[in-house]
Amino acid sequence: LVQAGESLRLSCAASGLRLSSYSIGWFRQAP
């Protein structure tokens, strides 16, 4: 939970594969 204007960093980690060998996308879904 952040206030409007407050920066946030999301991280994506993986096991069983190297992310450097893939194209990566971020998606979102609101209710």
Full PDB file with SEQRES, HELIX, SHEET, SSBOND, CRYST1, ORIGX, SCALE, CONECT and MASTER records, all heavy atoms in Angstrom:
SEQRES   1 A   31  LEU VAL GLN ALA GLY GLU SER LEU ARG LEU SER CYS ALA          
SEQRES   2 A   31  ALA SER GLY LEU ARG LEU SER SER TYR SER ILE GLY TRP          
SEQRES   3 A   31  PHE ARG GLN ALA PRO                                          
HELIX    1 AA1 LEU A   19  SER A   21  5                                   3    
CRYST1    1.000    1.000    1.000  90.00  90.00  90.00 P 1           1          
ORIGX1      1.000000  0.000000  0.000000        0.00000                         
ORIGX2      0.000000  1.000000  0.000000        0.00000                         
ORIGX3      0.000000  0.000000  1.000000        0.00000                         
SCALE1      1.000000  0.000000  0.000000        0.00000                         
SCALE2      0.000000  1.000000  0.000000        0.00000                         
SCALE3      0.000000  0.000000  1.000000        0.00000                         
ATOM      1  N   LEU A   1       0.855  -1.190   0.000  1.00  0.00           N  
ATOM      2  CA  LEU A   1       0.000   0.000   0.000  1.00  0.00           C  
ATOM      3  C   LEU A   1       0.887   1.234   0.000  1.00  0.00           C  
ATOM      4  O   LEU A   1       1.743   1.376   0.885  1.00  0.00           O  
ATOM      5  CB  LEU A   1      -0.893  -0.016   1.234  1.00  0.00           C  
ATOM      6  CG  LEU A   1      -1.732   1.245   1.490  1.00  0.00           C  
ATOM      7  CD1 LEU A   1      -2.733   1.468   0.373  1.00  0.00           C  
ATOM      8  CD2 LEU A   1      -2.450   1.130   2.838  1.00  0.00           C  
ATOM      9  N   VAL A   2       0.711   2.091  -0.993  1.00  0.00           N  
ATOM     10  CA  VAL A   2       1.473   3.333  -1.070  1.00  0.00           C  
ATOM     11  C   VAL A   2       0.527   4.486  -1.357  1.00  0.00           C  
ATOM     12  O   VAL A   2      -0.585   4.286  -1.867  1.00  0.00           O  
ATOM     13  CB  VAL A   2       2.564   3.277  -2.167  1.00  0.00           C  
ATOM     14  CG1 VAL A   2       3.594   2.212  -1.858  1.00  0.00           C  
ATOM     15  CG2 VAL A   2       1.951   3.056  -3.540  1.00  0.00           C  
ATOM     16  N   GLN A   3       0.998   5.678  -1.058  1.00  0.00           N  
ATOM     17  CA  GLN A   3       0.226   6.869  -1.396  1.00  0.00           C  
ATOM     18  C   GLN A   3       0.549   7.297  -2.822  1.00  0.00           C  
ATOM     19  O   GLN A   3       1.635   7.009  -3.343  1.00  0.00           O  
ATOM     20  CB  GLN A   3       0.552   7.995  -0.422  1.00  0.00           C  
ATOM     21  CG  GLN A   3       0.048   7.754   0.985  1.00  0.00           C  
ATOM     22  CD  GLN A   3       0.188   8.982   1.872  1.00  0.00           C  
ATOM     23  OE1 GLN A   3       1.047   9.826   1.641  1.00  0.00           O  
ATOM     24  NE2 GLN A   3      -0.663   9.092   2.881  1.00  0.00           N  
ATOM     25  N   ALA A   4      -0.376   7.961  -3.434  1.00  0.00           N  
ATOM     26  CA  ALA A   4      -0.146   8.475  -4.778  1.00  0.00           C  
ATOM     27  C   ALA A   4       1.133   9.304  -4.795  1.00  0.00           C  
ATOM     28  O   ALA A   4       1.345  10.152  -3.910  1.00  0.00           O  
ATOM     29  CB  ALA A   4      -1.335   9.307  -5.225  1.00  0.00           C  
ATOM     30  N   GLY A   5       1.990   9.043  -5.773  1.00  0.00           N  
ATOM     31  CA  GLY A   5       3.245   9.749  -5.899  1.00  0.00           C  
ATOM     32  C   GLY A   5       4.415   9.108  -5.187  1.00  0.00           C  
ATOM     33  O   GLY A   5       5.572   9.503  -5.408  1.00  0.00           O  
ATOM     34  N   GLU A   6       4.143   8.119  -4.355  1.00  0.00           N  
ATOM     35  CA  GLU A   6       5.213   7.429  -3.609  1.00  0.00           C  
ATOM     36  C   GLU A   6       5.738   6.270  -4.452  1.00  0.00           C  
ATOM     37  O   GLU A   6       4.998   5.362  -4.801  1.00  0.00           O  
ATOM     38  CB  GLU A   6       4.654   6.912  -2.286  1.00  0.00           C  
ATOM     39  CG  GLU A   6       5.660   6.193  -1.421  1.00  0.00           C  
ATOM     40  CD  GLU A   6       5.021   5.688  -0.122  1.00  0.00           C  
ATOM     41  OE1 GLU A   6       3.877   6.075   0.170  1.00  0.00           O  
ATOM     42  OE2 GLU A   6       5.672   4.893   0.575  1.00  0.00           O  
ATOM     43  N   SER A   7       7.010   6.252  -4.740  1.00  0.00           N  
ATOM     44  CA  SER A   7       7.585   5.244  -5.638  1.00  0.00           C  
ATOM     45  C   SER A   7       7.594   3.856  -5.016  1.00  0.00           C  
ATOM     46  O   SER A   7       7.661   3.693  -3.791  1.00  0.00           O  
ATOM     47  CB  SER A   7       9.009   5.646  -6.029  1.00  0.00           C  
ATOM     48  OG  SER A   7       9.004   6.813  -6.797  1.00  0.00           O  
ATOM     49  N   LEU A   8       7.561   2.877  -5.899  1.00  0.00           N  
ATOM     50  CA  LEU A   8       7.520   1.477  -5.481  1.00  0.00           C  
ATOM     51  C   LEU A   8       8.282   0.671  -6.524  1.00  0.00           C  
ATOM     52  O   LEU A   8       8.209   0.985  -7.726  1.00  0.00           O  
ATOM     53  CB  LEU A   8       6.063   1.018  -5.412  1.00  0.00           C  
ATOM     54  CG  LEU A   8       5.737  -0.345  -4.799  1.00  0.00           C  
ATOM     55  CD1 LEU A   8       6.008  -0.297  -3.302  1.00  0.00           C  
ATOM     56  CD2 LEU A   8       4.268  -0.680  -5.044  1.00  0.00           C  
ATOM     57  N   ARG A   9       9.003  -0.367  -6.079  1.00  0.00           N  
ATOM     58  CA  ARG A   9       9.693  -1.230  -7.017  1.00  0.00           C  
ATOM     59  C   ARG A   9       9.235  -2.668  -6.832  1.00  0.00           C  
ATOM     60  O   ARG A   9       9.364  -3.237  -5.747  1.00  0.00           O  
ATOM     61  CB  ARG A   9      11.217  -1.148  -6.865  1.00  0.00           C  
ATOM     62  CG  ARG A   9      11.948  -1.886  -8.003  1.00  0.00           C  
ATOM     63  CD  ARG A   9      13.456  -1.777  -7.895  1.00  0.00           C  
ATOM     64  NE  ARG A   9      14.009  -2.654  -6.881  1.00  0.00           N  
ATOM     65  CZ  ARG A   9      15.303  -2.966  -6.803  1.00  0.00           C  
ATOM     66  NH1 ARG A   9      16.163  -2.470  -7.687  1.00  0.00           N  
ATOM     67  NH2 ARG A   9      15.731  -3.778  -5.840  1.00  0.00           N  
ATOM     68  N   LEU A  10       8.754  -3.241  -7.897  1.00  0.00           N  
ATOM     69  CA  LEU A  10       8.371  -4.645  -7.893  1.00  0.00           C  
ATOM     70  C   LEU A  10       9.531  -5.478  -8.425  1.00  0.00           C  
ATOM     71  O   LEU A  10      10.262  -5.040  -9.309  1.00  0.00           O  
ATOM     72  CB  LEU A  10       7.144  -4.873  -8.767  1.00  0.00           C  
ATOM     73  CG  LEU A  10       5.904  -4.045  -8.443  1.00  0.00           C  
ATOM     74  CD1 LEU A  10       4.746  -4.458  -9.340  1.00  0.00           C  
ATOM     75  CD2 LEU A  10       5.529  -4.155  -6.988  1.00  0.00           C  
ATOM     76  N   SER A  11       9.663  -6.674  -7.871  1.00  0.00           N  
ATOM     77  CA  SER A  11      10.714  -7.593  -8.290  1.00  0.00           C  
ATOM     78  C   SER A  11      10.108  -8.878  -8.822  1.00  0.00           C  
ATOM     79  O   SER A  11       9.059  -9.328  -8.343  1.00  0.00           O  
ATOM     80  CB  SER A  11      11.642  -7.915  -7.113  1.00  0.00           C  
ATOM     81  OG  SER A  11      12.267  -6.752  -6.627  1.00  0.00           O  
ATOM     82  N   CYS A  12      10.807  -9.457  -9.786  1.00  0.00           N  
ATOM     83  CA  CYS A  12      10.411 -10.743 -10.356  1.00  0.00           C  
ATOM     84  C   CYS A  12      11.608 -11.670 -10.285  1.00  0.00           C  
ATOM     85  O   CYS A  12      12.672 -11.351 -10.822  1.00  0.00           O  
ATOM     86  CB  CYS A  12       9.962 -10.558 -11.800  1.00  0.00           C  
ATOM     87  SG  CYS A  12       9.540 -12.086 -12.667  1.00  0.00           S  
ATOM     88  N   ALA A  13      11.436 -12.786  -9.596  1.00  0.00           N  
ATOM     89  CA  ALA A  13      12.482 -13.781  -9.467  1.00  0.00           C  
ATOM     90  C   ALA A  13      11.983 -15.103 -10.044  1.00  0.00           C  
ATOM     91  O   ALA A  13      10.773 -15.311 -10.178  1.00  0.00           O  
ATOM     92  CB  ALA A  13      12.868 -13.953  -7.998  1.00  0.00           C  
ATOM     93  N   ALA A  14      12.927 -15.970 -10.355  1.00  0.00           N  
ATOM     94  CA  ALA A  14      12.523 -17.260 -10.923  1.00  0.00           C  
ATOM     95  C   ALA A  14      13.444 -18.365 -10.438  1.00  0.00           C  
ATOM     96  O   ALA A  14      14.635 -18.147 -10.213  1.00  0.00           O  
ATOM     97  CB  ALA A  14      12.537 -17.205 -12.450  1.00  0.00           C  
ATOM     98  N   SER A  15      12.875 -19.533 -10.300  1.00  0.00           N  
ATOM     99  CA  SER A  15      13.652 -20.742 -10.037  1.00  0.00           C  
ATOM    100  C   SER A  15      13.335 -21.735 -11.157  1.00  0.00           C  
ATOM    101  O   SER A  15      12.234 -21.765 -11.684  1.00  0.00           O  
ATOM    102  CB  SER A  15      13.307 -21.337  -8.673  1.00  0.00           C  
ATOM    103  OG  SER A  15      11.931 -21.666  -8.608  1.00  0.00           O  
ATOM    104  N   GLY A  16      14.349 -22.469 -11.549  1.00  0.00           N  
ATOM    105  CA  GLY A  16      14.143 -23.432 -12.623  1.00  0.00           C  
ATOM    106  C   GLY A  16      14.323 -22.854 -14.013  1.00  0.00           C  
ATOM    107  O   GLY A  16      14.185 -23.577 -15.003  1.00  0.00           O  
ATOM    108  N   LEU A  17      14.586 -21.569 -14.116  1.00  0.00           N  
ATOM    109  CA  LEU A  17      14.897 -20.958 -15.396  1.00  0.00           C  
ATOM    110  C   LEU A  17      15.686 -19.675 -15.161  1.00  0.00           C  
ATOM    111  O   LEU A  17      15.594 -19.057 -14.096  1.00  0.00           O  
ATOM    112  CB  LEU A  17      13.632 -20.660 -16.213  1.00  0.00           C  
ATOM    113  CG  LEU A  17      12.590 -19.680 -15.672  1.00  0.00           C  
ATOM    114  CD1 LEU A  17      12.946 -18.237 -16.002  1.00  0.00           C  
ATOM    115  CD2 LEU A  17      11.219 -19.987 -16.280  1.00  0.00           C  
ATOM    116  N   ARG A  18      16.449 -19.305 -16.167  1.00  0.00           N  
ATOM    117  CA  ARG A  18      17.217 -18.071 -16.106  1.00  0.00           C  
ATOM    118  C   ARG A  18      16.440 -16.994 -16.849  1.00  0.00           C  
ATOM    119  O   ARG A  18      16.192 -17.104 -18.045  1.00  0.00           O  
ATOM    120  CB  ARG A  18      18.597 -18.263 -16.726  1.00  0.00           C  
ATOM    121  CG  ARG A  18      19.501 -19.209 -15.935  1.00  0.00           C  
ATOM    122  CD  ARG A  18      20.930 -19.127 -16.412  1.00  0.00           C  
ATOM    123  NE  ARG A  18      21.455 -17.781 -16.305  1.00  0.00           N  
ATOM    124  CZ  ARG A  18      21.933 -17.243 -15.199  1.00  0.00           C  
ATOM    125  NH1 ARG A  18      21.915 -17.937 -14.073  1.00  0.00           N  
ATOM    126  NH2 ARG A  18      22.424 -16.037 -15.194  1.00  0.00           N  
ATOM    127  N   LEU A  19      16.072 -15.958 -16.133  1.00  0.00           N  
ATOM    128  CA  LEU A  19      15.280 -14.888 -16.740  1.00  0.00           C  
ATOM    129  C   LEU A  19      16.024 -14.217 -17.888  1.00  0.00           C  
ATOM    130  O   LEU A  19      15.391 -13.668 -18.797  1.00  0.00           O  
ATOM    131  CB  LEU A  19      14.889 -13.853 -15.690  1.00  0.00           C  
ATOM    132  CG  LEU A  19      13.937 -14.357 -14.605  1.00  0.00           C  
ATOM    133  CD1 LEU A  19      13.668 -13.260 -13.573  1.00  0.00           C  
ATOM    134  CD2 LEU A  19      12.624 -14.851 -15.201  1.00  0.00           C  
ATOM    135  N   SER A  20      17.350 -14.279 -17.868  1.00  0.00           N  
ATOM    136  CA  SER A  20      18.123 -13.666 -18.940  1.00  0.00           C  
ATOM    137  C   SER A  20      17.893 -14.372 -20.280  1.00  0.00           C  
ATOM    138  O   SER A  20      18.201 -13.816 -21.337  1.00  0.00           O  
ATOM    139  CB  SER A  20      19.610 -13.680 -18.600  1.00  0.00           C  
ATOM    140  OG  SER A  20      20.072 -15.012 -18.400  1.00  0.00           O  
ATOM    141  N   SER A  21      17.347 -15.568 -20.255  1.00  0.00           N  
ATOM    142  CA  SER A  21      17.081 -16.330 -21.475  1.00  0.00           C  
ATOM    143  C   SER A  21      15.648 -16.156 -21.977  1.00  0.00           C  
ATOM    144  O   SER A  21      15.229 -16.863 -22.890  1.00  0.00           O  
ATOM    145  CB  SER A  21      17.349 -17.816 -21.221  1.00  0.00           C  
ATOM    146  OG  SER A  21      18.707 -18.036 -20.903  1.00  0.00           O  
ATOM    147  N   TYR A  22      14.936 -15.210 -21.387  1.00  0.00           N  
ATOM    148  CA  TYR A  22      13.533 -15.015 -21.747  1.00  0.00           C  
ATOM    149  C   TYR A  22      13.217 -13.532 -21.940  1.00  0.00           C  
ATOM    150  O   TYR A  22      13.856 -12.659 -21.348  1.00  0.00           O  
ATOM    151  CB  TYR A  22      12.625 -15.567 -20.637  1.00  0.00           C  
ATOM    152  CG  TYR A  22      12.646 -17.064 -20.549  1.00  0.00           C  
ATOM    153  CD1 TYR A  22      13.662 -17.717 -19.865  1.00  0.00           C  
ATOM    154  CD2 TYR A  22      11.658 -17.815 -21.156  1.00  0.00           C  
ATOM    155  CE1 TYR A  22      13.694 -19.104 -19.797  1.00  0.00           C  
ATOM    156  CE2 TYR A  22      11.679 -19.210 -21.087  1.00  0.00           C  
ATOM    157  CZ  TYR A  22      12.703 -19.833 -20.406  1.00  0.00           C  
ATOM    158  OH  TYR A  22      12.725 -21.208 -20.334  1.00  0.00           O  
ATOM    159  N   SER A  23      12.217 -13.300 -22.752  1.00  0.00           N  
ATOM    160  CA  SER A  23      11.582 -11.989 -22.762  1.00  0.00           C  
ATOM    161  C   SER A  23      10.651 -11.943 -21.550  1.00  0.00           C  
ATOM    162  O   SER A  23      10.022 -12.955 -21.209  1.00  0.00           O  
ATOM    163  CB  SER A  23      10.772 -11.785 -24.043  1.00  0.00           C  
ATOM    164  OG  SER A  23      11.601 -11.811 -25.177  1.00  0.00           O  
ATOM    165  N   ILE A  24      10.560 -10.790 -20.917  1.00  0.00           N  
ATOM    166  CA  ILE A  24       9.796 -10.668 -19.679  1.00  0.00           C  
ATOM    167  C   ILE A  24       8.741  -9.574 -19.818  1.00  0.00           C  
ATOM    168  O   ILE A  24       9.007  -8.498 -20.359  1.00  0.00           O  
ATOM    169  CB  ILE A  24      10.712 -10.323 -18.491  1.00  0.00           C  
ATOM    170  CG1 ILE A  24      11.826 -11.360 -18.360  1.00  0.00           C  
ATOM    171  CG2 ILE A  24       9.894 -10.218 -17.205  1.00  0.00           C  
ATOM    172  CD1 ILE A  24      11.349 -12.763 -18.067  1.00  0.00           C  
ATOM    173  N   GLY A  25       7.575  -9.870 -19.317  1.00  0.00           N  
ATOM    174  CA  GLY A  25       6.509  -8.877 -19.319  1.00  0.00           C  
ATOM    175  C   GLY A  25       5.923  -8.693 -17.933  1.00  0.00           C  
ATOM    176  O   GLY A  25       5.920  -9.618 -17.121  1.00  0.00           O  
ATOM    177  N   TRP A  26       5.470  -7.491 -17.678  1.00  0.00           N  
ATOM    178  CA  TRP A  26       4.677  -7.187 -16.479  1.00  0.00           C  
ATOM    179  C   TRP A  26       3.256  -6.878 -16.935  1.00  0.00           C  
ATOM    180  O   TRP A  26       3.053  -6.092 -17.870  1.00  0.00           O  
ATOM    181  CB  TRP A  26       5.236  -5.990 -15.722  1.00  0.00           C  
ATOM    182  CG  TRP A  26       6.448  -6.272 -14.897  1.00  0.00           C  
ATOM    183  CD1 TRP A  26       7.749  -6.054 -15.232  1.00  0.00           C  
ATOM    184  CD2 TRP A  26       6.465  -6.813 -13.569  1.00  0.00           C  
ATOM    185  NE1 TRP A  26       8.571  -6.428 -14.209  1.00  0.00           N  
ATOM    186  CE2 TRP A  26       7.815  -6.895 -13.170  1.00  0.00           C  
ATOM    187  CE3 TRP A  26       5.482  -7.234 -12.677  1.00  0.00           C  
ATOM    188  CZ2 TRP A  26       8.198  -7.383 -11.913  1.00  0.00           C  
ATOM    189  CZ3 TRP A  26       5.860  -7.712 -11.429  1.00  0.00           C  
ATOM    190  CH2 TRP A  26       7.209  -7.784 -11.059  1.00  0.00           C  
ATOM    191  N   PHE A  27       2.312  -7.499 -16.270  1.00  0.00           N  
ATOM    192  CA  PHE A  27       0.901  -7.279 -16.531  1.00  0.00           C  
ATOM    193  C   PHE A  27       0.217  -6.910 -15.214  1.00  0.00           C  
ATOM    194  O   PHE A  27       0.781  -7.109 -14.142  1.00  0.00           O  
ATOM    195  CB  PHE A  27       0.250  -8.552 -17.097  1.00  0.00           C  
ATOM    196  CG  PHE A  27       0.660  -8.869 -18.508  1.00  0.00           C  
ATOM    197  CD1 PHE A  27       1.920  -9.381 -18.784  1.00  0.00           C  
ATOM    198  CD2 PHE A  27      -0.204  -8.660 -19.566  1.00  0.00           C  
ATOM    199  CE1 PHE A  27       2.316  -9.666 -20.082  1.00  0.00           C  
ATOM    200  CE2 PHE A  27       0.172  -8.944 -20.873  1.00  0.00           C  
ATOM    201  CZ  PHE A  27       1.438  -9.456 -21.125  1.00  0.00           C  
ATOM    202  N   ARG A  28      -0.996  -6.415 -15.310  1.00  0.00           N  
ATOM    203  CA  ARG A  28      -1.756  -6.126 -14.099  1.00  0.00           C  
ATOM    204  C   ARG A  28      -3.229  -6.398 -14.341  1.00  0.00           C  
ATOM    205  O   ARG A  28      -3.705  -6.359 -15.484  1.00  0.00           O  
ATOM    206  CB  ARG A  28      -1.549  -4.680 -13.652  1.00  0.00           C  
ATOM    207  CG  ARG A  28      -2.121  -3.627 -14.594  1.00  0.00           C  
ATOM    208  CD  ARG A  28      -1.726  -2.234 -14.132  1.00  0.00           C  
ATOM    209  NE  ARG A  28      -2.280  -1.187 -14.984  1.00  0.00           N  
ATOM    210  CZ  ARG A  28      -1.969   0.098 -14.877  1.00  0.00           C  
ATOM    211  NH1 ARG A  28      -1.094   0.496 -13.946  1.00  0.00           N  
ATOM    212  NH2 ARG A  28      -2.506   0.979 -15.683  1.00  0.00           N  
ATOM    213  N   GLN A  29      -3.908  -6.670 -13.244  1.00  0.00           N  
ATOM    214  CA  GLN A  29      -5.340  -6.934 -13.316  1.00  0.00           C  
ATOM    215  C   GLN A  29      -6.042  -6.282 -12.138  1.00  0.00           C  
ATOM    216  O   GLN A  29      -5.757  -6.610 -10.984  1.00  0.00           O  
ATOM    217  CB  GLN A  29      -5.627  -8.436 -13.339  1.00  0.00           C  
ATOM    218  CG  GLN A  29      -7.068  -8.777 -13.609  1.00  0.00           C  
ATOM    219  CD  GLN A  29      -7.252 -10.245 -13.957  1.00  0.00           C  
ATOM    220  OE1 GLN A  29      -6.388 -11.079 -13.699  1.00  0.00           O  
ATOM    221  NE2 GLN A  29      -8.383 -10.567 -14.565  1.00  0.00           N  
ATOM    222  N   ALA A  30      -6.911  -5.363 -12.450  1.00  0.00           N  
ATOM    223  CA  ALA A  30      -7.720  -4.696 -11.429  1.00  0.00           C  
ATOM    224  C   ALA A  30      -9.036  -5.448 -11.283  1.00  0.00           C  
ATOM    225  O   ALA A  30      -9.467  -6.152 -12.206  1.00  0.00           O  
ATOM    226  CB  ALA A  30      -7.972  -3.248 -11.829  1.00  0.00           C  
ATOM    227  N   PRO A  31      -9.707  -5.315 -10.146  1.00  0.00           N  
ATOM    228  CA  PRO A  31     -10.973  -6.019  -9.932  1.00  0.00           C  
ATOM    229  C   PRO A  31     -11.981  -5.720 -11.035  1.00  0.00           C  
ATOM    230  O   PRO A  31     -12.195  -4.552 -11.385  1.00  0.00           O  
ATOM    231  CB  PRO A  31     -11.446  -5.484  -8.584  1.00  0.00           C  
ATOM    232  CG  PRO A  31     -10.198  -5.081  -7.891  1.00  0.00           C  
ATOM    233  CD  PRO A  31      -9.289  -4.564  -8.953  1.00  0.00           C  
TER     234      PRO A  31                                                      
MASTER        0    0    0    1    0    0    0    6  233    1    0    3          
END                                                                             
